[in-house]
Amino acid sequence: MENLKTSEIRHAEKQVAHFLEKYGMHYAGIDILGQLKLFTVEMVNGLEGRQSSLKMYPTFIEFNNKIPKNEPVIVLDAGGTNLRSAVFHFDTDKKPVVAKYRQTLMPGLKNEASKDEFFNTIADSIGDILNESERIGFVFSYPIEIFPNKDGRLVRFTKEIKAKEVEGQFIGENLMRVIRNRGFKNIKSIVLLNDTVASLLSGIASFQDREFSGYIGLVLGTGMNACYIERNSNIKADILSGLRREGSQLINIEAGQYLKGPLSKIDEVFDAKTLNPALSTFEKMFSGAYLGGLAHTVLGFAAADGLFSGKFARDLYNLESLNSWDLDDYLYFPPENKKLADLVPGMSEKDKVVLYYLFDSLVERAAALTSIVLSASAIKEGTGYNPCAPICIVADGSSFYKMKNFKSRIEHYLNAILSKHHIKAGAEFADCPDHIYYEIHAVEEAILKGAAAAALA
């Protein structure tokens, strides 16, 4: 890098900015306020049962910021690869206590699993702890529709799980059937939730001594989603099935499915290459499962537009793929990234700088887009007006914490959006205060802790 003059580095930065602007992909070109309004309108439409790309699934978990002490629950976490189980309780000092932890592979990960095989494998994982509690909190990190009895019906499997007979089935009902057939009559309830809801609940459980006015859960890892607390009076009445209109409950936004995001020409090209084109386009712009593939597409356009030297541009055509961690690796340790190591001999000093600015711009754009989801959730929740009682944002997921300087970038955008200038700018936000206050927190073992809080709720 020392061989480049300051003027050459600045020129490279401008080149990258012009390139991204040309294709409508530069973070500075995002109409954040316009997107905030669009996202909020989609939230309202989803809640009221009108056409919307945001599903706004009610969880039927009512907001309660008090977690019972010394009551054991059985917790399950079905993730992309692993099935985890444990016995969990909060002690007299409100500290989480985990016992009899076990981790196995998800059924259907390696081979097709029948319905019976799937649920029997899950029952096996908790067979030795079924006498420990009457309650099970089950985090099921696949698309599920939650019902008033807090059971969930699987919409479809993702993350390469192969168990077609389970799709369309009620997860809690089928697991309960297997458990009772084994002679365990003590289990009284199973609460189904997804990982985003668990993240929010883990914040409630972890900060019992703090006064937060609201909570938001964010997961930004392989995928992207958010959860917040909504007043029941804002939800279409026939959805609630008897819940108190004056109460509140957690809403799973399914934010990654938002279809009105600022798609660039390059985003559209990349989306066409994915398994499900035109679905979850917002998530594909910045979540971990897609960011590497998007960056690979960006490099192809950049090479064709002459941003790189001739040899490196030719070498890029032999680069078959990128993963999100390749971007992280390069931004932290340029240019020693393992995936790009074979290309380094063909890189000029300017190529290295241009590559850095391209990757860094994608991270900056990810922060801007994530801030829209968080800001809309905060505004819709309608709390955080008092600096002494801010909103607690619990962020979970590898992408949130591994992308370079991501948390500080998120805070930069949130501080700008959740200020008087932006909040008051439009009739949709006319009743908002001058400022919404928030804090971002990480919670250790957020998913298991959230599962326990759900079962205890």
Protein backbone atom coordinates (compact mmCIF):
# COMPACT_ATOMS: atom_id res chain seq x y z
CA MET A 1 0.00 0.00 0.00
CA GLU A 2 2.90 2.30 0.68
CA ASN A 3 3.66 2.49 -3.04
CA LEU A 4 0.43 4.37 -3.70
CA LYS A 5 0.21 8.09 -3.24
CA THR A 6 -2.65 9.59 -1.26
CA SER A 7 -4.05 11.06 -4.46
CA GLU A 8 -4.08 7.60 -6.07
CA ILE A 9 -5.94 6.10 -3.12
CA ARG A 10 -8.52 8.89 -3.27
CA HIS A 11 -8.88 8.34 -7.01
CA ALA A 12 -9.53 4.61 -6.42
CA GLU A 13 -12.19 5.47 -3.85
CA LYS A 14 -13.90 7.82 -6.31
CA GLN A 15 -13.75 5.18 -9.05
CA VAL A 16 -15.53 2.68 -6.83
CA ALA A 17 -18.16 5.25 -5.84
CA HIS A 18 -18.85 6.17 -9.49
CA PHE A 19 -19.07 2.48 -10.43
CA LEU A 20 -21.59 1.71 -7.68
CA GLU A 21 -23.60 4.84 -8.46
CA LYS A 22 -23.76 3.83 -12.11
CA TYR A 23 -25.51 0.58 -11.19
CA GLY A 24 -27.64 2.06 -8.40
CA MET A 25 -25.75 0.22 -5.69
CA HIS A 26 -23.98 2.94 -3.70
CA TYR A 27 -25.06 3.18 -0.06
CA ALA A 28 -25.19 6.99 -0.29
CA GLY A 29 -27.92 6.70 -2.91
CA ILE A 30 -30.35 4.88 -0.63
CA ASP A 31 -33.42 6.98 0.16
CA ILE A 32 -33.44 5.93 3.81
CA LEU A 33 -36.44 8.04 4.80
CA GLY A 34 -38.40 6.85 1.77
CA GLN A 35 -37.54 3.23 2.56
CA LEU A 36 -38.46 3.77 6.20
CA LYS A 37 -41.93 4.92 5.12
CA LEU A 38 -42.37 2.04 2.66
CA PHE A 39 -41.26 -0.55 5.20
CA THR A 40 -43.58 0.88 7.87
CA VAL A 41 -46.55 0.89 5.48
CA GLU A 42 -45.82 -2.76 4.63
CA MET A 43 -45.78 -3.54 8.37
CA VAL A 44 -49.19 -1.90 8.84
CA ASN A 45 -50.64 -3.70 5.81
CA GLY A 46 -49.40 -7.03 7.10
CA LEU A 47 -50.86 -6.45 10.55
CA GLU A 48 -54.23 -5.48 9.10
CA GLY A 49 -54.42 -8.47 6.77
CA ARG A 50 -53.91 -6.55 3.54
CA GLN A 51 -51.52 -7.43 0.73
CA SER A 52 -47.94 -7.05 1.95
CA SER A 53 -44.52 -8.60 1.44
CA LEU A 54 -44.08 -8.56 5.24
CA LYS A 55 -45.98 -11.46 6.83
CA MET A 56 -46.05 -9.89 10.33
CA TYR A 57 -46.76 -13.23 12.01
CA PRO A 58 -48.30 -12.94 15.49
CA THR A 59 -46.50 -15.19 17.97
CA PHE A 60 -49.32 -15.20 20.56
CA ILE A 61 -46.59 -14.64 23.15
CA GLU A 62 -47.86 -11.71 25.17
CA PHE A 63 -45.38 -9.14 26.42
CA ASN A 64 -44.38 -9.77 30.02
CA ASN A 65 -41.09 -8.43 31.32
CA LYS A 66 -41.09 -10.54 34.47
CA ILE A 67 -39.53 -14.01 34.28
CA PRO A 68 -40.32 -16.54 37.06
CA LYS A 69 -37.38 -17.73 39.17
CA ASN A 70 -36.31 -21.30 39.95
CA GLU A 71 -38.79 -22.88 37.54
CA PRO A 72 -37.05 -25.43 35.29
CA VAL A 73 -38.05 -25.78 31.66
CA ILE A 74 -36.89 -28.04 28.87
CA VAL A 75 -35.43 -26.09 25.94
CA LEU A 76 -34.87 -27.19 22.35
CA ASP A 77 -33.12 -25.38 19.52
CA ALA A 78 -33.47 -26.74 15.98
CA GLY A 79 -30.95 -24.82 13.88
CA GLY A 80 -29.45 -25.31 10.45
CA THR A 81 -27.08 -28.12 11.44
CA ASN A 82 -27.49 -28.92 15.12
CA LEU A 83 -30.31 -29.88 17.46
CA ARG A 84 -29.57 -28.64 20.97
CA SER A 85 -31.38 -29.45 24.19
CA ALA A 86 -31.01 -28.64 27.90
CA VAL A 87 -32.79 -28.00 31.18
CA PHE A 88 -32.88 -24.29 31.93
CA HIS A 89 -33.96 -22.08 34.82
CA PHE A 90 -33.36 -18.61 36.24
CA ASP A 91 -32.03 -18.68 39.80
CA THR A 92 -32.89 -16.42 42.74
CA ASP A 93 -30.44 -13.81 41.43
CA LYS A 94 -32.11 -13.97 37.98
CA LYS A 95 -29.03 -15.68 36.50
CA PRO A 96 -29.53 -18.39 33.86
CA VAL A 97 -28.61 -21.93 34.84
CA VAL A 98 -28.10 -24.56 32.11
CA ALA A 99 -27.95 -28.28 32.90
CA LYS A 100 -27.83 -31.54 30.95
CA TYR A 101 -26.85 -29.81 27.71
CA ARG A 102 -26.78 -32.03 24.62
CA GLN A 103 -26.06 -31.37 20.95
CA THR A 104 -26.80 -33.72 18.05
CA LEU A 105 -27.26 -33.37 14.31
CA MET A 106 -30.61 -32.24 12.94
CA PRO A 107 -32.69 -35.12 11.58
CA GLY A 108 -32.89 -34.92 7.80
CA LEU A 109 -29.51 -33.22 7.49
CA LYS A 110 -27.67 -36.11 5.85
CA ASN A 111 -30.51 -38.23 4.47
CA GLU A 112 -34.24 -37.92 3.87
CA ALA A 113 -36.12 -38.42 7.14
CA SER A 114 -39.69 -39.62 7.36
CA LYS A 115 -42.17 -37.90 9.66
CA ASP A 116 -41.81 -40.62 12.30
CA GLU A 117 -38.01 -40.58 12.10
CA PHE A 118 -37.92 -36.81 12.42
CA PHE A 119 -40.03 -36.53 15.56
CA ASN A 120 -38.59 -39.64 17.19
CA THR A 121 -35.08 -38.23 16.77
CA ILE A 122 -36.14 -35.01 18.52
CA ALA A 123 -37.81 -37.01 21.30
CA ASP A 124 -34.62 -39.07 21.69
CA SER A 125 -32.62 -35.88 22.26
CA ILE A 126 -34.70 -35.02 25.35
CA GLY A 127 -35.59 -38.53 26.48
CA ASP A 128 -33.47 -38.36 29.65
CA ILE A 129 -34.81 -34.93 30.74
CA LEU A 130 -38.55 -35.29 30.09
CA ASN A 131 -39.20 -35.69 33.82
CA GLU A 132 -37.46 -32.39 34.63
CA SER A 133 -40.34 -30.07 33.71
CA GLU A 134 -43.91 -29.82 32.47
CA ARG A 135 -42.95 -27.20 29.85
CA ILE A 136 -40.91 -27.20 26.66
CA GLY A 137 -39.69 -24.10 24.83
CA PHE A 138 -38.83 -25.03 21.24
CA VAL A 139 -36.95 -22.64 18.94
CA PHE A 140 -37.59 -23.91 15.42
CA SER A 141 -35.54 -21.81 13.00
CA TYR A 142 -37.49 -22.57 9.85
CA PRO A 143 -40.55 -20.80 8.38
CA ILE A 144 -43.46 -21.67 10.68
CA GLU A 145 -46.89 -20.17 11.15
CA ILE A 146 -47.75 -19.80 14.84
CA PHE A 147 -51.30 -20.44 16.12
CA PRO A 148 -53.10 -19.22 19.27
CA ASN A 149 -52.18 -22.43 21.15
CA LYS A 150 -48.51 -21.46 20.47
CA ASP A 151 -47.93 -24.47 18.25
CA GLY A 152 -46.34 -23.92 14.87
CA ARG A 153 -47.10 -25.42 11.46
CA LEU A 154 -44.04 -25.83 9.26
CA VAL A 155 -44.36 -23.93 5.98
CA ARG A 156 -41.25 -25.46 4.41
CA PHE A 157 -37.76 -26.58 5.31
CA THR A 158 -34.70 -24.51 4.44
CA LYS A 159 -30.97 -24.95 5.17
CA GLU A 160 -30.81 -28.26 3.28
CA ILE A 161 -32.96 -30.25 5.73
CA LYS A 162 -34.60 -33.19 3.95
CA ALA A 163 -37.89 -34.26 5.56
CA LYS A 164 -40.72 -33.58 3.11
CA GLU A 165 -43.30 -35.49 5.18
CA VAL A 166 -42.88 -32.95 7.99
CA GLU A 167 -43.75 -29.92 5.85
CA GLY A 168 -47.27 -28.71 6.62
CA GLN A 169 -47.27 -30.51 9.98
CA PHE A 170 -47.77 -29.05 13.46
CA ILE A 171 -44.41 -29.41 15.21
CA GLY A 172 -45.57 -29.31 18.84
CA GLU A 173 -48.57 -31.59 18.30
CA ASN A 174 -46.48 -34.28 16.61
CA LEU A 175 -43.70 -34.11 19.19
CA MET A 176 -46.24 -34.29 22.03
CA ARG A 177 -47.78 -37.40 20.44
CA VAL A 178 -44.41 -39.17 20.35
CA ILE A 179 -43.61 -38.14 23.94
CA ARG A 180 -46.94 -39.43 25.28
CA ASN A 181 -46.63 -42.66 23.33
CA ARG A 182 -43.42 -43.21 25.28
CA GLY A 183 -45.31 -42.99 28.55
CA PHE A 184 -44.51 -39.39 29.59
CA LYS A 185 -47.79 -37.79 30.65
CA ASN A 186 -46.28 -34.89 32.60
CA ILE A 187 -45.54 -32.58 29.64
CA LYS A 188 -48.34 -30.00 29.63
CA SER A 189 -47.22 -27.48 27.01
CA ILE A 190 -44.85 -26.89 24.09
CA VAL A 191 -44.27 -23.32 22.91
CA LEU A 192 -42.92 -22.88 19.36
CA LEU A 193 -40.99 -19.77 18.33
CA ASN A 194 -38.28 -18.76 15.88
CA ASP A 195 -34.76 -17.52 16.64
CA THR A 196 -35.63 -13.83 16.24
CA VAL A 197 -38.39 -14.06 18.83
CA ALA A 198 -36.00 -15.94 21.10
CA SER A 199 -33.46 -13.13 20.75
CA LEU A 200 -36.00 -10.55 21.90
CA LEU A 201 -37.10 -12.70 24.84
CA SER A 202 -33.48 -13.26 25.86
CA GLY A 203 -33.20 -9.49 26.32
CA ILE A 204 -36.20 -9.46 28.64
CA ALA A 205 -34.71 -12.36 30.61
CA SER A 206 -31.18 -10.93 30.76
CA PHE A 207 -31.86 -7.37 31.85
CA GLN A 208 -34.39 -7.78 34.63
CA ASP A 209 -32.68 -5.04 36.63
CA ARG A 210 -32.82 -2.49 33.81
CA GLU A 211 -35.77 -0.32 32.87
CA PHE A 212 -36.31 -0.71 29.14
CA SER A 213 -39.51 0.59 27.57
CA GLY A 214 -39.43 -1.83 24.66
CA TYR A 215 -37.50 -4.66 23.05
CA ILE A 216 -36.47 -5.57 19.50
CA GLY A 217 -34.85 -8.82 18.41
CA LEU A 218 -32.59 -8.88 15.35
CA VAL A 219 -30.93 -11.89 13.76
CA LEU A 220 -28.37 -11.18 11.05
CA GLY A 221 -26.43 -14.30 10.24
CA THR A 222 -27.21 -16.75 7.47
CA GLY A 223 -30.52 -14.92 7.06
CA MET A 224 -32.02 -11.69 8.36
CA ASN A 225 -35.15 -11.11 10.40
CA ALA A 226 -36.50 -8.95 13.22
CA CYS A 227 -39.13 -9.13 15.94
CA TYR A 228 -40.75 -6.39 18.03
CA ILE A 229 -43.63 -5.80 20.44
CA GLU A 230 -46.95 -4.68 18.96
CA ARG A 231 -50.23 -3.59 20.54
CA ASN A 232 -53.00 -6.11 19.94
CA SER A 233 -55.32 -3.25 19.00
CA ASN A 234 -53.21 -2.72 15.85
CA ILE A 235 -53.65 -6.32 14.69
CA LYS A 236 -56.60 -7.43 12.58
CA ALA A 237 -59.19 -8.59 15.13
CA ASP A 238 -60.02 -11.98 13.60
CA ILE A 239 -56.35 -12.99 13.78
CA LEU A 240 -56.14 -12.69 17.56
CA SER A 241 -58.69 -15.39 18.43
CA GLY A 242 -59.64 -14.14 21.87
CA LEU A 243 -56.49 -12.34 22.99
CA ARG A 244 -57.08 -9.15 24.94
CA ARG A 245 -57.29 -6.12 22.64
CA GLU A 246 -55.63 -3.99 25.32
CA GLY A 247 -52.61 -6.28 25.54
CA SER A 248 -49.38 -6.54 23.50
CA GLN A 249 -47.55 -9.41 21.87
CA LEU A 250 -44.39 -10.23 19.96
CA ILE A 251 -44.58 -9.98 16.15
CA ASN A 252 -42.27 -11.90 13.81
CA ILE A 253 -41.83 -9.48 10.91
CA GLU A 254 -40.19 -11.89 8.44
CA ALA A 255 -38.20 -8.84 7.40
CA GLY A 256 -36.01 -10.67 4.88
CA GLN A 257 -39.04 -11.10 2.62
CA TYR A 258 -39.48 -7.34 2.10
CA LEU A 259 -39.86 -6.80 -1.65
CA LYS A 260 -39.70 -3.01 -1.94
CA GLY A 261 -36.04 -2.51 -1.08
CA PRO A 262 -33.68 -0.44 -3.27
CA LEU A 263 -32.62 -3.20 -5.67
CA SER A 264 -29.77 -2.30 -7.99
CA LYS A 265 -29.11 -3.72 -11.44
CA ILE A 266 -26.43 -5.94 -9.94
CA ASP A 267 -28.82 -7.16 -7.22
CA GLU A 268 -31.27 -8.18 -9.93
CA VAL A 269 -28.60 -10.12 -11.83
CA PHE A 270 -27.55 -11.91 -8.65
CA ASP A 271 -31.13 -12.63 -7.60
CA ALA A 272 -31.76 -14.36 -10.94
CA LYS A 273 -28.96 -16.83 -10.08
CA THR A 274 -30.41 -17.86 -6.72
CA LEU A 275 -32.61 -20.88 -6.05
CA ASN A 276 -35.74 -18.76 -5.51
CA PRO A 277 -35.59 -15.64 -7.73
CA ALA A 278 -37.85 -12.73 -6.78
CA LEU A 279 -38.33 -14.09 -3.24
CA SER A 280 -36.69 -12.63 -0.11
CA THR A 281 -34.91 -10.05 -2.27
CA PHE A 282 -34.17 -7.79 0.72
CA GLU A 283 -32.38 -10.56 2.61
CA LYS A 284 -30.30 -11.32 -0.49
CA MET A 285 -28.85 -7.79 -0.44
CA PHE A 286 -26.86 -8.25 2.77
CA SER A 287 -27.40 -11.44 4.83
CA GLY A 288 -24.60 -13.94 5.35
CA ALA A 289 -25.96 -16.64 3.06
CA TYR A 290 -25.93 -14.25 0.09
CA LEU A 291 -23.37 -11.50 0.64
CA GLY A 292 -20.47 -13.54 -0.75
CA GLY A 293 -22.37 -14.44 -3.91
CA LEU A 294 -23.45 -10.84 -4.36
CA ALA A 295 -19.85 -9.66 -3.94
CA HIS A 296 -18.75 -12.19 -6.55
CA THR A 297 -21.29 -10.73 -8.98
CA VAL A 298 -20.09 -7.20 -8.17
CA LEU A 299 -16.50 -8.19 -9.00
CA GLY A 300 -17.60 -9.51 -12.38
CA PHE A 301 -19.23 -6.18 -13.23
CA ALA A 302 -16.22 -4.25 -11.88
CA ALA A 303 -13.78 -6.26 -13.96
CA ALA A 304 -15.89 -5.74 -17.10
CA ASP A 305 -15.95 -1.99 -16.37
CA GLY A 306 -12.18 -1.77 -16.14
CA LEU A 307 -11.78 -1.11 -12.41
CA PHE A 308 -8.99 -3.69 -12.13
CA SER A 309 -5.70 -4.15 -13.94
CA GLY A 310 -5.74 -6.47 -16.94
CA LYS A 311 -4.07 -9.49 -15.33
CA PHE A 312 -6.13 -9.37 -12.15
CA ALA A 313 -9.34 -8.88 -14.15
CA ARG A 314 -8.49 -12.01 -16.15
CA ASP A 315 -7.66 -13.94 -12.97
CA LEU A 316 -11.01 -13.00 -11.47
CA TYR A 317 -12.80 -15.02 -14.12
CA ASN A 318 -11.26 -18.14 -12.54
CA LEU A 319 -12.69 -17.26 -9.13
CA GLU A 320 -15.70 -19.55 -8.91
CA SER A 321 -17.30 -18.22 -5.73
CA LEU A 322 -17.00 -16.11 -2.59
CA ASN A 323 -18.49 -16.53 0.88
CA SER A 324 -19.40 -13.77 3.29
CA TRP A 325 -16.44 -14.64 5.52
CA ASP A 326 -14.12 -14.06 2.56
CA LEU A 327 -15.20 -10.40 2.64
CA ASP A 328 -14.68 -10.22 6.39
CA ASP A 329 -11.28 -11.87 6.09
CA TYR A 330 -10.12 -9.50 3.38
CA LEU A 331 -11.33 -6.36 5.16
CA TYR A 332 -9.53 -7.34 8.35
CA PHE A 333 -6.40 -8.76 6.72
CA PRO A 334 -5.96 -7.40 3.18
CA PRO A 335 -4.76 -9.02 1.05
CA GLU A 336 -4.00 -12.34 2.81
CA ASN A 337 -7.51 -13.77 2.37
CA LYS A 338 -7.29 -17.51 1.70
CA LYS A 339 -9.81 -17.55 -1.15
CA LEU A 340 -8.00 -14.70 -2.92
CA ALA A 341 -4.45 -15.89 -2.14
CA ASP A 342 -3.92 -17.43 -5.58
CA LEU A 343 -4.93 -14.14 -7.19
CA VAL A 344 -2.58 -11.93 -5.16
CA PRO A 345 0.41 -12.26 -7.55
CA GLY A 346 -1.70 -10.67 -10.27
CA MET A 347 -2.95 -7.81 -8.09
CA SER A 348 -1.51 -4.35 -8.33
CA GLU A 349 -1.47 -2.12 -5.26
CA LYS A 350 -4.38 -0.22 -6.75
CA ASP A 351 -6.32 -3.49 -7.27
CA LYS A 352 -5.98 -4.23 -3.57
CA VAL A 353 -7.36 -0.82 -2.64
CA VAL A 354 -10.23 -1.01 -5.15
CA LEU A 355 -11.18 -4.46 -3.86
CA TYR A 356 -11.18 -3.13 -0.29
CA TYR A 357 -13.45 -0.21 -1.17
CA LEU A 358 -15.88 -2.50 -3.04
CA PHE A 359 -16.19 -4.91 -0.12
CA ASP A 360 -16.34 -2.10 2.42
CA SER A 361 -19.14 -0.40 0.50
CA LEU A 362 -21.19 -3.59 0.65
CA VAL A 363 -20.77 -3.67 4.43
CA GLU A 364 -21.76 0.01 4.67
CA ARG A 365 -24.84 -0.69 2.57
CA ALA A 366 -25.70 -3.64 4.82
CA ALA A 367 -25.60 -1.29 7.83
CA ALA A 368 -27.88 1.23 6.12
CA LEU A 369 -30.42 -1.44 5.14
CA THR A 370 -30.38 -3.07 8.58
CA SER A 371 -30.95 0.31 10.19
CA ILE A 372 -34.17 0.71 8.19
CA VAL A 373 -35.56 -2.51 9.71
CA LEU A 374 -34.53 -1.52 13.24
CA SER A 375 -35.80 2.05 12.92
CA ALA A 376 -39.17 0.98 11.53
CA SER A 377 -39.51 -1.53 14.37
CA ALA A 378 -38.66 1.13 16.97
CA ILE A 379 -41.09 3.67 15.50
CA LYS A 380 -43.86 1.07 15.18
CA GLU A 381 -43.32 -0.12 18.74
CA GLY A 382 -43.95 3.43 19.96
CA THR A 383 -41.58 3.43 22.94
CA GLY A 384 -38.09 4.73 23.72
CA TYR A 385 -39.18 8.34 24.22
CA ASN A 386 -37.56 8.62 27.65
CA PRO A 387 -33.74 8.52 27.74
CA CYS A 388 -34.01 6.79 31.12
CA ALA A 389 -36.04 3.95 29.57
CA PRO A 390 -34.64 3.23 26.08
CA ILE A 391 -35.48 0.37 23.73
CA CYS A 392 -33.32 -2.72 24.14
CA ILE A 393 -32.18 -4.11 20.78
CA VAL A 394 -30.83 -7.65 21.13
CA ALA A 395 -28.70 -8.44 18.08
CA ASP A 396 -27.70 -12.01 17.31
CA GLY A 397 -25.94 -13.63 14.37
CA SER A 398 -22.42 -13.97 13.02
CA SER A 399 -22.79 -11.35 10.28
CA PHE A 400 -23.76 -8.64 12.77
CA TYR A 401 -20.65 -9.14 14.84
CA LYS A 402 -18.10 -10.18 12.20
CA MET A 403 -18.60 -7.57 9.50
CA LYS A 404 -15.97 -4.91 10.05
CA ASN A 405 -17.12 -1.97 12.22
CA PHE A 406 -20.71 -3.03 11.61
CA LYS A 407 -22.11 -2.18 15.04
CA SER A 408 -20.67 1.35 14.97
CA ARG A 409 -22.06 1.88 11.47
CA ILE A 410 -25.50 0.71 12.56
CA GLU A 411 -25.41 3.18 15.45
CA HIS A 412 -24.39 5.98 13.07
CA TYR A 413 -27.47 5.37 10.91
CA LEU A 414 -29.83 4.80 13.83
CA ASN A 415 -28.73 8.01 15.52
CA ALA A 416 -29.45 9.91 12.31
CA ILE A 417 -32.79 8.21 11.58
CA LEU A 418 -34.21 8.23 15.10
CA SER A 419 -33.81 11.96 15.46
CA LYS A 420 -36.27 14.81 15.15
CA HIS A 421 -35.32 15.61 11.55
CA HIS A 422 -36.20 12.16 10.22
CA ILE A 423 -38.95 11.01 12.55
CA LYS A 424 -41.04 14.15 12.10
CA ALA A 425 -40.57 14.26 8.35
CA GLY A 426 -43.90 12.88 7.16
CA ALA A 427 -47.48 12.33 8.23
CA GLU A 428 -46.79 8.65 9.00
CA PHE A 429 -44.56 9.67 11.90
CA ALA A 430 -46.37 12.82 13.00
CA ASP A 431 -47.06 11.49 16.50
CA CYS A 432 -43.47 10.42 17.14
CA PRO A 433 -41.28 12.18 19.71
CA ASP A 434 -38.22 14.27 18.96
CA HIS A 435 -35.91 11.35 19.60
CA ILE A 436 -36.12 7.59 20.16
CA TYR A 437 -33.49 6.21 22.54
CA TYR A 438 -32.06 2.71 22.24
CA GLU A 439 -29.22 0.42 23.30
CA ILE A 440 -27.78 -2.53 21.36
CA HIS A 441 -26.87 -5.62 23.38
CA ALA A 442 -25.43 -9.07 22.77
CA VAL A 443 -26.80 -11.88 24.95
CA GLU A 444 -24.84 -15.05 25.55
CA GLU A 445 -26.80 -18.20 24.61
CA ALA A 446 -29.64 -15.95 23.46
CA ILE A 447 -31.56 -18.72 21.69
CA LEU A 448 -31.71 -21.15 24.63
CA LYS A 449 -32.42 -18.32 27.04
CA GLY A 450 -35.24 -17.06 24.80
CA ALA A 451 -36.69 -20.56 24.53
CA ALA A 452 -36.83 -20.79 28.33
CA ALA A 453 -38.45 -17.35 28.61
CA ALA A 454 -41.10 -18.36 26.03
CA ALA A 455 -41.98 -21.52 27.94
CA LEU A 456 -42.20 -19.55 31.19
CA ALA A 457 -44.30 -16.77 29.64
